[in-house]
């Protein structure tokens, strides 16, 4: 069967775009962003160390629990 459309392209509402390719490109861009962030972190360009974030979270949860137990 001879068709004028290239294979892999649908003839739906927007025949010029293939949603599978578009989604793959989005996934590739997301993966590249993650790789770049990991590389920056390995070079020491991260802004806040993980242990500082963990300590901050523990303090926030501790204060929240103290308010619940002592105010209630």
Protein backbone atom coordinates (compact mmCIF):
# COMPACT_ATOMS: atom_id res chain seq x y z
CA UNK A 1 0.00 0.00 0.00
CA UNK A 2 1.46 3.37 -1.00
CA UNK A 3 0.81 6.32 1.28
CA UNK A 4 2.11 9.86 1.28
CA UNK A 5 2.61 9.88 5.08
CA UNK A 6 5.88 8.69 6.58
CA UNK A 7 5.57 5.59 8.71
CA UNK A 8 5.20 6.21 12.42
CA UNK A 9 3.13 9.36 11.96
CA UNK A 10 -0.57 9.28 12.70
CA UNK A 11 -3.26 11.09 10.80
CA UNK A 12 -5.23 12.27 13.83
CA UNK A 13 -6.12 15.80 14.90
CA UNK A 14 -2.48 16.89 14.69
CA UNK A 15 -0.84 14.73 12.02
CA UNK A 16 2.50 16.58 12.13
CA UNK A 17 3.34 15.46 15.67
CA UNK A 18 3.89 12.00 17.07
CA UNK A 19 2.98 11.95 20.76
CA UNK A 20 5.31 9.00 21.41
CA UNK A 21 8.30 10.93 20.07
CA UNK A 22 7.28 14.06 21.96
CA UNK A 23 7.01 12.11 25.20
CA UNK A 24 10.39 10.47 24.58
CA UNK A 25 11.95 13.89 24.03
CA UNK A 26 10.45 15.12 27.30
CA UNK A 27 11.85 12.08 29.11
CA UNK A 28 15.27 12.63 27.53
CA UNK A 29 15.28 16.30 28.56
CA UNK A 30 14.26 15.37 32.11
CA UNK A 31 17.00 12.73 32.33
CA UNK A 32 19.58 15.24 31.08
CA UNK A 33 18.50 17.75 33.74
CA UNK A 34 18.87 15.10 36.43
CA UNK A 35 22.31 14.07 35.11
CA UNK A 36 23.45 17.70 35.09
CA UNK A 37 22.26 18.21 38.66
CA UNK A 38 24.04 15.07 39.86
CA UNK A 39 27.25 16.21 38.14
CA UNK A 40 26.99 19.65 39.79
CA UNK A 41 26.46 18.02 43.17
CA UNK A 42 29.47 15.74 42.68
CA UNK A 43 31.61 18.77 41.85
CA UNK A 44 30.48 20.39 45.10
CA UNK A 45 28.27 23.05 43.55
CA UNK A 46 25.23 22.12 45.63
CA UNK A 47 23.87 24.93 47.75
CA UNK A 48 22.67 23.22 50.95
CA UNK A 49 24.24 20.01 52.29
CA UNK A 50 21.88 17.08 52.74
CA UNK A 51 22.63 16.82 56.46
CA UNK A 52 21.45 20.41 56.96
CA UNK A 53 18.17 19.59 55.26
CA UNK A 54 17.77 16.45 57.39
CA UNK A 55 18.46 18.33 60.65
CA UNK A 56 16.01 21.07 59.64
CA UNK A 57 13.31 18.49 58.94
CA UNK A 58 13.89 16.80 62.30
CA UNK A 59 13.65 20.14 64.11
CA UNK A 60 10.43 21.10 62.31
CA UNK A 61 8.80 17.74 63.08
CA UNK A 62 10.01 17.90 66.70
CA UNK A 63 8.55 21.38 67.24
CA UNK A 64 5.30 20.32 65.57
CA UNK A 65 5.01 17.27 67.85
CA UNK A 66 5.86 19.37 70.92
CA UNK A 67 3.07 21.80 70.06
CA UNK A 68 0.62 18.95 69.69
CA UNK A 69 1.54 17.28 73.01
CA UNK A 70 1.99 20.38 75.17
CA UNK A 71 -0.76 22.58 73.74
CA UNK A 72 -3.35 19.81 73.55
